[in-house]
Amino acid sequence: MKWLLSILTVMLLITQYRLWVGDGSFAEVTRLERQLNDQQQKNAALERENRQLLREVRSLKHGTDGVEAKARYDLGLIKEGETLFIFLDPEEQNAREKE
């Protein structure tokens, strides 16, 4: 009878070890859930960025409004007859004067 109790005790200890420390343990499951959550957040951010880029590509492909807006924003281009006003921050202006 003692050997049966010993065998059951060893089996219980092995089971408990795997539950707390081994493969598929609570700690590993928690770590994997955290990792999954982080990856899902990264994926959501990349999906938003992809949607924004897709809208921009469609805008540039169809019509000149998208190209014009891009040129105005990136290159500072203006149409004929328009006047460009540039407002500088006082700190930025002081930095330019010191150079």
PDB file of N, CA and C in Angstrom:
ATOM      1  N   MET A   1       0.811  -1.187   0.000  1.00  0.00           N
ATOM      2  CA  MET A   1       0.000   0.000   0.000  1.00  0.00           C
ATOM      3  C   MET A   1       0.861   1.260   0.000  1.00  0.00           C
ATOM      4  N   LYS A   2       2.023   1.203   0.686  1.00  0.00           N
ATOM      5  CA  LYS A   2       2.913   2.359   0.718  1.00  0.00           C
ATOM      6  C   LYS A   2       3.437   2.685  -0.671  1.00  0.00           C
ATOM      7  N   TRP A   3       3.736   1.675  -1.477  1.00  0.00           N
ATOM      8  CA  TRP A   3       4.257   1.931  -2.807  1.00  0.00           C
ATOM      9  C   TRP A   3       3.206   2.595  -3.685  1.00  0.00           C
ATOM     10  N   LEU A   4       1.915   2.258  -3.515  1.00  0.00           N
ATOM     11  CA  LEU A   4       0.836   2.902  -4.262  1.00  0.00           C
ATOM     12  C   LEU A   4       0.730   4.368  -3.868  1.00  0.00           C
ATOM     13  N   LEU A   5       0.821   4.646  -2.596  1.00  0.00           N
ATOM     14  CA  LEU A   5       0.789   6.023  -2.112  1.00  0.00           C
ATOM     15  C   LEU A   5       1.996   6.811  -2.632  1.00  0.00           C
ATOM     16  N   SER A   6       3.142   6.177  -2.676  1.00  0.00           N
ATOM     17  CA  SER A   6       4.354   6.823  -3.194  1.00  0.00           C
ATOM     18  C   SER A   6       4.207   7.139  -4.674  1.00  0.00           C
ATOM     19  N   ILE A   7       3.692   6.192  -5.431  1.00  0.00           N
ATOM     20  CA  ILE A   7       3.494   6.404  -6.872  1.00  0.00           C
ATOM     21  C   ILE A   7       2.506   7.540  -7.111  1.00  0.00           C
ATOM     22  N   LEU A   8       1.399   7.560  -6.387  1.00  0.00           N
ATOM     23  CA  LEU A   8       0.401   8.625  -6.535  1.00  0.00           C
ATOM     24  C   LEU A   8       0.982   9.983  -6.144  1.00  0.00           C
ATOM     25  N   THR A   9       1.798   9.997  -5.104  1.00  0.00           N
ATOM     26  CA  THR A   9       2.430  11.248  -4.682  1.00  0.00           C
ATOM     27  C   THR A   9       3.381  11.771  -5.756  1.00  0.00           C
ATOM     28  N   VAL A  10       4.174  10.877  -6.332  1.00  0.00           N
ATOM     29  CA  VAL A  10       5.096  11.272  -7.406  1.00  0.00           C
ATOM     30  C   VAL A  10       4.312  11.778  -8.605  1.00  0.00           C
ATOM     31  N   MET A  11       3.233  11.112  -8.970  1.00  0.00           N
ATOM     32  CA  MET A  11       2.408  11.548 -10.096  1.00  0.00           C
ATOM     33  C   MET A  11       1.794  12.918  -9.819  1.00  0.00           C
ATOM     34  N   LEU A  12       1.357  13.137  -8.594  1.00  0.00           N
ATOM     35  CA  LEU A  12       0.794  14.433  -8.219  1.00  0.00           C
ATOM     36  C   LEU A  12       1.853  15.523  -8.327  1.00  0.00           C
ATOM     37  N   LEU A  13       3.049  15.245  -7.862  1.00  0.00           N
ATOM     38  CA  LEU A  13       4.130  16.230  -7.936  1.00  0.00           C
ATOM     39  C   LEU A  13       4.502  16.553  -9.379  1.00  0.00           C
ATOM     40  N   ILE A  14       4.548  15.526 -10.231  1.00  0.00           N
ATOM     41  CA  ILE A  14       4.850  15.743 -11.647  1.00  0.00           C
ATOM     42  C   ILE A  14       3.771  16.609 -12.289  1.00  0.00           C
ATOM     43  N   THR A  15       2.519  16.304 -11.984  1.00  0.00           N
ATOM     44  CA  THR A  15       1.408  17.081 -12.531  1.00  0.00           C
ATOM     45  C   THR A  15       1.471  18.530 -12.062  1.00  0.00           C
ATOM     46  N   GLN A  16       1.739  18.717 -10.784  1.00  0.00           N
ATOM     47  CA  GLN A  16       1.837  20.072 -10.245  1.00  0.00           C
ATOM     48  C   GLN A  16       3.014  20.828 -10.861  1.00  0.00           C
ATOM     49  N   TYR A  17       4.126  20.154 -11.073  1.00  0.00           N
ATOM     50  CA  TYR A  17       5.284  20.795 -11.693  1.00  0.00           C
ATOM     51  C   TYR A  17       4.928  21.315 -13.073  1.00  0.00           C
ATOM     52  N   ARG A  18       4.293  20.470 -13.871  1.00  0.00           N
ATOM     53  CA  ARG A  18       3.912  20.881 -15.230  1.00  0.00           C
ATOM     54  C   ARG A  18       2.892  22.008 -15.196  1.00  0.00           C
ATOM     55  N   LEU A  19       2.018  21.997 -14.199  1.00  0.00           N
ATOM     56  CA  LEU A  19       0.996  23.029 -14.096  1.00  0.00           C
ATOM     57  C   LEU A  19       1.607  24.390 -13.783  1.00  0.00           C
ATOM     58  N   TRP A  20       2.611  24.437 -12.957  1.00  0.00           N
ATOM     59  CA  TRP A  20       3.177  25.709 -12.508  1.00  0.00           C
ATOM     60  C   TRP A  20       4.451  26.109 -13.233  1.00  0.00           C
ATOM     61  N   VAL A  21       5.234  25.147 -13.737  1.00  0.00           N
ATOM     62  CA  VAL A  21       6.547  25.475 -14.290  1.00  0.00           C
ATOM     63  C   VAL A  21       6.727  24.991 -15.726  1.00  0.00           C
ATOM     64  N   GLY A  22       6.241  23.853 -16.083  1.00  0.00           N
ATOM     65  CA  GLY A  22       6.545  23.230 -17.376  1.00  0.00           C
ATOM     66  C   GLY A  22       5.811  23.859 -18.544  1.00  0.00           C
ATOM     67  N   ASP A  23       5.834  23.145 -19.675  1.00  0.00           N
ATOM     68  CA  ASP A  23       5.148  23.604 -20.879  1.00  0.00           C
ATOM     69  C   ASP A  23       3.648  23.708 -20.614  1.00  0.00           C
ATOM     70  N   GLY A  24       3.049  24.813 -21.068  1.00  0.00           N
ATOM     71  CA  GLY A  24       1.621  25.017 -20.868  1.00  0.00           C
ATOM     72  C   GLY A  24       1.269  25.446 -19.459  1.00  0.00           C
ATOM     73  N   SER A  25       2.248  25.912 -18.707  1.00  0.00           N
ATOM     74  CA  SER A  25       1.993  26.326 -17.324  1.00  0.00           C
ATOM     75  C   SER A  25       1.232  27.645 -17.301  1.00  0.00           C
ATOM     76  N   PHE A  26       0.753  27.995 -16.137  1.00  0.00           N
ATOM     77  CA  PHE A  26       0.026  29.257 -15.972  1.00  0.00           C
ATOM     78  C   PHE A  26       0.902  30.442 -16.359  1.00  0.00           C
ATOM     79  N   ALA A  27       2.169  30.411 -15.977  1.00  0.00           N
ATOM     80  CA  ALA A  27       3.083  31.504 -16.289  1.00  0.00           C
ATOM     81  C   ALA A  27       3.276  31.641 -17.794  1.00  0.00           C
ATOM     82  N   GLU A  28       3.424  30.537 -18.477  1.00  0.00           N
ATOM     83  CA  GLU A  28       3.620  30.577 -19.928  1.00  0.00           C
ATOM     84  C   GLU A  28       2.360  31.071 -20.633  1.00  0.00           C
ATOM     85  N   VAL A  29       1.204  30.624 -20.182  1.00  0.00           N
ATOM     86  CA  VAL A  29      -0.057  31.067 -20.780  1.00  0.00           C
ATOM     87  C   VAL A  29      -0.227  32.569 -20.595  1.00  0.00           C
ATOM     88  N   THR A  30       0.085  33.070 -19.421  1.00  0.00           N
ATOM     89  CA  THR A  30      -0.018  34.504 -19.157  1.00  0.00           C
ATOM     90  C   THR A  30       0.937  35.286 -20.046  1.00  0.00           C
ATOM     91  N   ARG A  31       2.165  34.797 -20.187  1.00  0.00           N
ATOM     92  CA  ARG A  31       3.153  35.454 -21.040  1.00  0.00           C
ATOM     93  C   ARG A  31       2.684  35.478 -22.485  1.00  0.00           C
ATOM     94  N   LEU A  32       2.149  34.373 -22.958  1.00  0.00           N
ATOM     95  CA  LEU A  32       1.675  34.294 -24.338  1.00  0.00           C
ATOM     96  C   LEU A  32       0.465  35.203 -24.570  1.00  0.00           C
ATOM     97  N   GLU A  33      -0.424  35.298 -23.589  1.00  0.00           N
ATOM     98  CA  GLU A  33      -1.569  36.205 -23.720  1.00  0.00           C
ATOM     99  C   GLU A  33      -1.113  37.654 -23.807  1.00  0.00           C
ATOM    100  N   ARG A  34      -0.124  38.017 -22.992  1.00  0.00           N
ATOM    101  CA  ARG A  34       0.423  39.374 -23.026  1.00  0.00           C
ATOM    102  C   ARG A  34       1.070  39.646 -24.383  1.00  0.00           C
ATOM    103  N   GLN A  35       1.814  38.676 -24.883  1.00  0.00           N
ATOM    104  CA  GLN A  35       2.477  38.815 -26.177  1.00  0.00           C
ATOM    105  C   GLN A  35       1.443  38.939 -27.298  1.00  0.00           C
ATOM    106  N   LEU A  36       0.371  38.169 -27.221  1.00  0.00           N
ATOM    107  CA  LEU A  36      -0.697  38.240 -28.209  1.00  0.00           C
ATOM    108  C   LEU A  36      -1.365  39.606 -28.192  1.00  0.00           C
ATOM    109  N   ASN A  37      -1.626  40.126 -27.006  1.00  0.00           N
ATOM    110  CA  ASN A  37      -2.250  41.440 -26.871  1.00  0.00           C
ATOM    111  C   ASN A  37      -1.366  42.528 -27.476  1.00  0.00           C
ATOM    112  N   ASP A  38      -0.066  42.481 -27.211  1.00  0.00           N
ATOM    113  CA  ASP A  38       0.869  43.455 -27.778  1.00  0.00           C
ATOM    114  C   ASP A  38       0.869  43.382 -29.304  1.00  0.00           C
ATOM    115  N   GLN A  39       0.885  42.169 -29.834  1.00  0.00           N
ATOM    116  CA  GLN A  39       0.903  42.003 -31.290  1.00  0.00           C
ATOM    117  C   GLN A  39      -0.400  42.500 -31.911  1.00  0.00           C
ATOM    118  N   GLN A  40      -1.527  42.280 -31.252  1.00  0.00           N
ATOM    119  CA  GLN A  40      -2.805  42.764 -31.771  1.00  0.00           C
ATOM    120  C   GLN A  40      -2.833  44.292 -31.814  1.00  0.00           C
ATOM    121  N   GLN A  41      -2.249  44.940 -30.806  1.00  0.00           N
ATOM    122  CA  GLN A  41      -2.185  46.399 -30.803  1.00  0.00           C
ATOM    123  C   GLN A  41      -1.302  46.907 -31.933  1.00  0.00           C
ATOM    124  N   LYS A  42      -0.172  46.249 -32.163  1.00  0.00           N
ATOM    125  CA  LYS A  42       0.706  46.635 -33.273  1.00  0.00           C
ATOM    126  C   LYS A  42      -0.011  46.453 -34.601  1.00  0.00           C
ATOM    127  N   ASN A  43      -0.727  45.341 -34.746  1.00  0.00           N
ATOM    128  CA  ASN A  43      -1.459  45.073 -35.985  1.00  0.00           C
ATOM    129  C   ASN A  43      -2.528  46.136 -36.231  1.00  0.00           C
ATOM    130  N   ALA A  44      -3.233  46.541 -35.182  1.00  0.00           N
ATOM    131  CA  ALA A  44      -4.271  47.559 -35.328  1.00  0.00           C
ATOM    132  C   ALA A  44      -3.657  48.884 -35.774  1.00  0.00           C
ATOM    133  N   ALA A  45      -2.520  49.253 -35.202  1.00  0.00           N
ATOM    134  CA  ALA A  45      -1.848  50.494 -35.602  1.00  0.00           C
ATOM    135  C   ALA A  45      -1.405  50.421 -37.060  1.00  0.00           C
ATOM    136  N   LEU A  46      -0.876  49.281 -37.469  1.00  0.00           N
ATOM    137  CA  LEU A  46      -0.448  49.126 -38.863  1.00  0.00           C
ATOM    138  C   LEU A  46      -1.636  49.131 -39.823  1.00  0.00           C
ATOM    139  N   GLU A  47      -2.762  48.581 -39.398  1.00  0.00           N
ATOM    140  CA  GLU A  47      -3.958  48.605 -40.243  1.00  0.00           C
ATOM    141  C   GLU A  47      -4.453  50.036 -40.437  1.00  0.00           C
ATOM    142  N   ARG A  48      -4.426  50.849 -39.363  1.00  0.00           N
ATOM    143  CA  ARG A  48      -4.818  52.257 -39.489  1.00  0.00           C
ATOM    144  C   ARG A  48      -3.881  52.987 -40.454  1.00  0.00           C
ATOM    145  N   GLU A  49      -2.600  52.731 -40.329  1.00  0.00           N
ATOM    146  CA  GLU A  49      -1.623  53.369 -41.210  1.00  0.00           C
ATOM    147  C   GLU A  49      -1.841  52.932 -42.653  1.00  0.00           C
ATOM    148  N   ASN A  50      -2.121  51.661 -42.870  1.00  0.00           N
ATOM    149  CA  ASN A  50      -2.378  51.158 -44.225  1.00  0.00           C
ATOM    150  C   ASN A  50      -3.626  51.795 -44.831  1.00  0.00           C
ATOM    151  N   ARG A  51      -4.680  51.945 -44.015  1.00  0.00           N
ATOM    152  CA  ARG A  51      -5.896  52.595 -44.522  1.00  0.00           C
ATOM    153  C   ARG A  51      -5.612  54.041 -44.923  1.00  0.00           C
ATOM    154  N   GLN A  52      -4.825  54.746 -44.100  1.00  0.00           N
ATOM    155  CA  GLN A  52      -4.478  56.126 -44.410  1.00  0.00           C
ATOM    156  C   GLN A  52      -3.675  56.204 -45.708  1.00  0.00           C
ATOM    157  N   LEU A  53      -2.703  55.317 -45.866  1.00  0.00           N
ATOM    158  CA  LEU A  53      -1.899  55.299 -47.094  1.00  0.00           C
ATOM    159  C   LEU A  53      -2.746  54.941 -48.308  1.00  0.00           C
ATOM    160  N   LEU A  54      -3.696  54.031 -48.143  1.00  0.00           N
ATOM    161  CA  LEU A  54      -4.579  53.663 -49.247  1.00  0.00           C
ATOM    162  C   LEU A  54      -5.441  54.847 -49.664  1.00  0.00           C
ATOM    163  N   ARG A  55      -5.957  55.600 -48.689  1.00  0.00           N
ATOM    164  CA  ARG A  55      -6.738  56.801 -49.012  1.00  0.00           C
ATOM    165  C   ARG A  55      -5.875  57.805 -49.773  1.00  0.00           C
ATOM    166  N   GLU A  56      -4.633  57.958 -49.341  1.00  0.00           N
ATOM    167  CA  GLU A  56      -3.731  58.900 -49.997  1.00  0.00           C
ATOM    168  C   GLU A  56      -3.422  58.457 -51.426  1.00  0.00           C
ATOM    169  N   VAL A  57      -3.186  57.171 -51.629  1.00  0.00           N
ATOM    170  CA  VAL A  57      -2.917  56.653 -52.979  1.00  0.00           C
ATOM    171  C   VAL A  57      -4.123  56.870 -53.877  1.00  0.00           C
ATOM    172  N   ARG A  58      -5.304  56.566 -53.372  1.00  0.00           N
ATOM    173  CA  ARG A  58      -6.524  56.769 -54.177  1.00  0.00           C
ATOM    174  C   ARG A  58      -6.711  58.235 -54.524  1.00  0.00           C
ATOM    175  N   SER A  59      -6.430  59.103 -53.572  1.00  0.00           N
ATOM    176  CA  SER A  59      -6.564  60.535 -53.812  1.00  0.00           C
ATOM    177  C   SER A  59      -5.580  61.000 -54.872  1.00  0.00           C
ATOM    178  N   LEU A  60      -4.362  60.480 -54.837  1.00  0.00           N
ATOM    179  CA  LEU A  60      -3.365  60.875 -55.825  1.00  0.00           C
ATOM    180  C   LEU A  60      -3.668  60.299 -57.209  1.00  0.00           C
ATOM    181  N   LYS A  61      -4.300  59.145 -57.268  1.00  0.00           N
ATOM    182  CA  LYS A  61      -4.621  58.521 -58.553  1.00  0.00           C
ATOM    183  C   LYS A  61      -5.796  59.212 -59.242  1.00  0.00           C
ATOM    184  N   HIS A  62      -6.766  59.691 -58.467  1.00  0.00           N
ATOM    185  CA  HIS A  62      -7.991  60.249 -59.029  1.00  0.00           C
ATOM    186  C   HIS A  62      -8.014  61.755 -58.820  1.00  0.00           C
ATOM    187  N   GLY A  63      -7.824  62.480 -59.897  1.00  0.00           N
ATOM    188  CA  GLY A  63      -7.925  63.928 -59.840  1.00  0.00           C
ATOM    189  C   GLY A  63      -6.632  64.590 -59.398  1.00  0.00           C
ATOM    190  N   THR A  64      -6.664  65.908 -59.514  1.00  0.00           N
ATOM    191  CA  THR A  64      -5.467  66.678 -59.200  1.00  0.00           C
ATOM    192  C   THR A  64      -5.501  67.265 -57.797  1.00  0.00           C
ATOM    193  N   ASP A  65      -6.630  67.143 -57.125  1.00  0.00           N
ATOM    194  CA  ASP A  65      -6.734  67.733 -55.781  1.00  0.00           C
ATOM    195  C   ASP A  65      -5.732  67.116 -54.822  1.00  0.00           C
ATOM    196  N   GLY A  66      -5.574  65.807 -54.885  1.00  0.00           N
ATOM    197  CA  GLY A  66      -4.637  65.134 -53.996  1.00  0.00           C
ATOM    198  C   GLY A  66      -3.196  65.518 -54.299  1.00  0.00           C
ATOM    199  N   VAL A  67      -2.871  65.593 -55.586  1.00  0.00           N
ATOM    200  CA  VAL A  67      -1.515  65.973 -55.982  1.00  0.00           C
ATOM    201  C   VAL A  67      -1.244  67.407 -55.572  1.00  0.00           C
ATOM    202  N   GLU A  68      -2.232  68.276 -55.781  1.00  0.00           N
ATOM    203  CA  GLU A  68      -2.072  69.684 -55.409  1.00  0.00           C
ATOM    204  C   GLU A  68      -1.879  69.846 -53.905  1.00  0.00           C
ATOM    205  N   ALA A  69      -2.675  69.138 -53.130  1.00  0.00           N
ATOM    206  CA  ALA A  69      -2.551  69.225 -51.673  1.00  0.00           C
ATOM    207  C   ALA A  69      -1.188  68.713 -51.211  1.00  0.00           C
ATOM    208  N   LYS A  70      -0.732  67.624 -51.809  1.00  0.00           N
ATOM    209  CA  LYS A  70       0.576  67.064 -51.464  1.00  0.00           C
ATOM    210  C   LYS A  70       1.690  68.057 -51.815  1.00  0.00           C
ATOM    211  N   ALA A  71       1.594  68.680 -52.979  1.00  0.00           N
ATOM    212  CA  ALA A  71       2.606  69.655 -53.395  1.00  0.00           C
ATOM    213  C   ALA A  71       2.599  70.873 -52.482  1.00  0.00           C
ATOM    214  N   ARG A  72       1.431  71.333 -52.100  1.00  0.00           N
ATOM    215  CA  ARG A  72       1.348  72.485 -51.189  1.00  0.00           C
ATOM    216  C   ARG A  72       1.951  72.155 -49.831  1.00  0.00           C
ATOM    217  N   TYR A  73       1.615  70.997 -49.322  1.00  0.00           N
ATOM    218  CA  TYR A  73       2.066  70.630 -47.975  1.00  0.00           C
ATOM    219  C   TYR A  73       3.559  70.301 -47.946  1.00  0.00           C
ATOM    220  N   ASP A  74       3.998  69.457 -48.882  1.00  0.00           N
ATOM    221  CA  ASP A  74       5.389  68.986 -48.859  1.00  0.00           C
ATOM    222  C   ASP A  74       6.375  69.981 -49.457  1.00  0.00           C
ATOM    223  N   LEU A  75       5.972  70.651 -50.534  1.00  0.00           N
ATOM    224  CA  LEU A  75       6.909  71.495 -51.270  1.00  0.00           C
ATOM    225  C   LEU A  75       6.666  72.988 -51.086  1.00  0.00           C
ATOM    226  N   GLY A  76       5.538  73.351 -50.476  1.00  0.00           N
ATOM    227  CA  GLY A  76       5.239  74.763 -50.262  1.00  0.00           C
ATOM    228  C   GLY A  76       4.862  75.491 -51.540  1.00  0.00           C
ATOM    229  N   LEU A  77       4.320  74.778 -52.514  1.00  0.00           N
ATOM    230  CA  LEU A  77       3.953  75.395 -53.779  1.00  0.00           C
ATOM    231  C   LEU A  77       2.675  76.216 -53.640  1.00  0.00           C
ATOM    232  N   ILE A  78       2.584  77.268 -54.439  1.00  0.00           N
ATOM    233  CA  ILE A  78       1.389  78.114 -54.446  1.00  0.00           C
ATOM    234  C   ILE A  78       0.932  78.289 -55.884  1.00  0.00           C
ATOM    235  N   LYS A  79      -0.347  78.636 -56.043  1.00  0.00           N
ATOM    236  CA  LYS A  79      -0.893  78.876 -57.376  1.00  0.00           C
ATOM    237  C   LYS A  79      -0.542  80.297 -57.817  1.00  0.00           C
ATOM    238  N   GLU A  80      -0.675  80.509 -59.106  1.00  0.00           N
ATOM    239  CA  GLU A  80      -0.430  81.842 -59.642  1.00  0.00           C
ATOM    240  C   GLU A  80      -1.488  82.791 -59.088  1.00  0.00           C
ATOM    241  N   GLY A  81      -1.042  83.936 -58.614  1.00  0.00           N
ATOM    242  CA  GLY A  81      -1.957  84.929 -58.057  1.00  0.00           C
ATOM    243  C   GLY A  81      -2.161  84.785 -56.558  1.00  0.00           C
ATOM    244  N   GLU A  82      -1.662  83.746 -55.964  1.00  0.00           N
ATOM    245  CA  GLU A  82      -1.770  83.570 -54.514  1.00  0.00           C
ATOM    246  C   GLU A  82      -0.566  84.217 -53.836  1.00  0.00           C
ATOM    247  N   THR A  83      -0.767  84.597 -52.588  1.00  0.00           N
ATOM    248  CA  THR A  83       0.323  85.157 -51.795  1.00  0.00           C
ATOM    249  C   THR A  83       0.599  84.215 -50.641  1.00  0.00           C
ATOM    250  N   LEU A  84       1.871  83.928 -50.431  1.00  0.00           N
ATOM    251  CA  LEU A  84       2.274  83.013 -49.370  1.00  0.00           C
ATOM    252  C   LEU A  84       2.699  83.807 -48.147  1.00  0.00           C
ATOM    253  N   PHE A  85       2.107  83.509 -47.025  1.00  0.00           N
ATOM    254  CA  PHE A  85       2.494  84.109 -45.754  1.00  0.00           C
ATOM    255  C   PHE A  85       3.092  83.020 -44.883  1.00  0.00           C
ATOM    256  N   ILE A  86       4.253  83.292 -44.313  1.00  0.00           N
ATOM    257  CA  ILE A  86       4.902  82.348 -43.414  1.00  0.00           C
ATOM    258  C   ILE A  86       5.016  83.004 -42.051  1.00  0.00           C
ATOM    259  N   PHE A  87       4.460  82.368 -41.044  1.00  0.00           N
ATOM    260  CA  PHE A  87       4.515  82.879 -39.687  1.00  0.00           C
ATOM    261  C   PHE A  87       5.519  82.051 -38.900  1.00  0.00           C
ATOM    262  N   LEU A  88       6.510  82.728 -38.341  1.00  0.00           N
ATOM    263  CA  LEU A  88       7.536  82.046 -37.567  1.00  0.00           C
ATOM    264  C   LEU A  88       7.268  82.220 -36.081  1.00  0.00           C
ATOM    265  N   ASP A  89       7.642  81.227 -35.309  1.00  0.00           N
ATOM    266  CA  ASP A  89       7.595  81.343 -33.860  1.00  0.00           C
ATOM    267  C   ASP A  89       8.692  82.303 -33.430  1.00  0.00           C
ATOM    268  N   PRO A  90       8.473  83.084 -32.395  1.00  0.00           N
ATOM    269  CA  PRO A  90       9.522  83.995 -31.924  1.00  0.00           C
ATOM    270  C   PRO A  90      10.819  83.264 -31.581  1.00  0.00           C
ATOM    271  N   GLU A  91      10.732  82.092 -30.989  1.00  0.00           N
ATOM    272  CA  GLU A  91      11.929  81.321 -30.654  1.00  0.00           C
ATOM    273  C   GLU A  91      12.670  80.901 -31.915  1.00  0.00           C
ATOM    274  N   GLU A  92      11.915  80.490 -32.915  1.00  0.00           N
ATOM    275  CA  GLU A  92      12.517  80.069 -34.180  1.00  0.00           C
ATOM    276  C   GLU A  92      13.179  81.254 -34.871  1.00  0.00           C
ATOM    277  N   GLN A  93      12.542  82.412 -34.802  1.00  0.00           N
ATOM    278  CA  GLN A  93      13.091  83.610 -35.417  1.00  0.00           C
ATOM    279  C   GLN A  93      14.391  84.026 -34.714  1.00  0.00           C
ATOM    280  N   ASN A  94      14.428  83.953 -33.381  1.00  0.00           N
ATOM    281  CA  ASN A  94      15.645  84.284 -32.633  1.00  0.00           C
ATOM    282  C   ASN A  94      16.777  83.330 -32.994  1.00  0.00           C
ATOM    283  N   ALA A  95      16.471  82.083 -33.167  1.00  0.00           N
ATOM    284  CA  ALA A  95      17.490  81.093 -33.524  1.00  0.00           C
ATOM    285  C   ALA A  95      18.059  81.396 -34.906  1.00  0.00           C
ATOM    286  N   ARG A  96      17.208  81.826 -35.837  1.00  0.00           N
ATOM    287  CA  ARG A  96      17.685  82.160 -37.182  1.00  0.00           C
ATOM    288  C   ARG A  96      18.543  83.424 -37.172  1.00  0.00           C
ATOM    289  N   GLU A  97      18.192  84.391 -36.334  1.00  0.00           N
ATOM    290  CA  GLU A  97      18.960  85.641 -36.265  1.00  0.00           C
ATOM    291  C   GLU A  97      20.339  85.394 -35.671  1.00  0.00           C
ATOM    292  N   LYS A  98      20.474  84.451 -34.758  1.00  0.00           N
ATOM    293  CA  LYS A  98      21.757  84.146 -34.130  1.00  0.00           C
ATOM    294  C   LYS A  98      22.709  83.457 -35.095  1.00  0.00           C
ATOM    295  N   GLU A  99      22.182  82.814 -36.110  1.00  0.00           N
ATOM    296  CA  GLU A  99      23.027  82.100 -37.072  1.00  0.00           C
ATOM    297  C   GLU A  99      23.643  83.074 -37.977  1.00  0.00           C
TER     298      GLU A  99
END
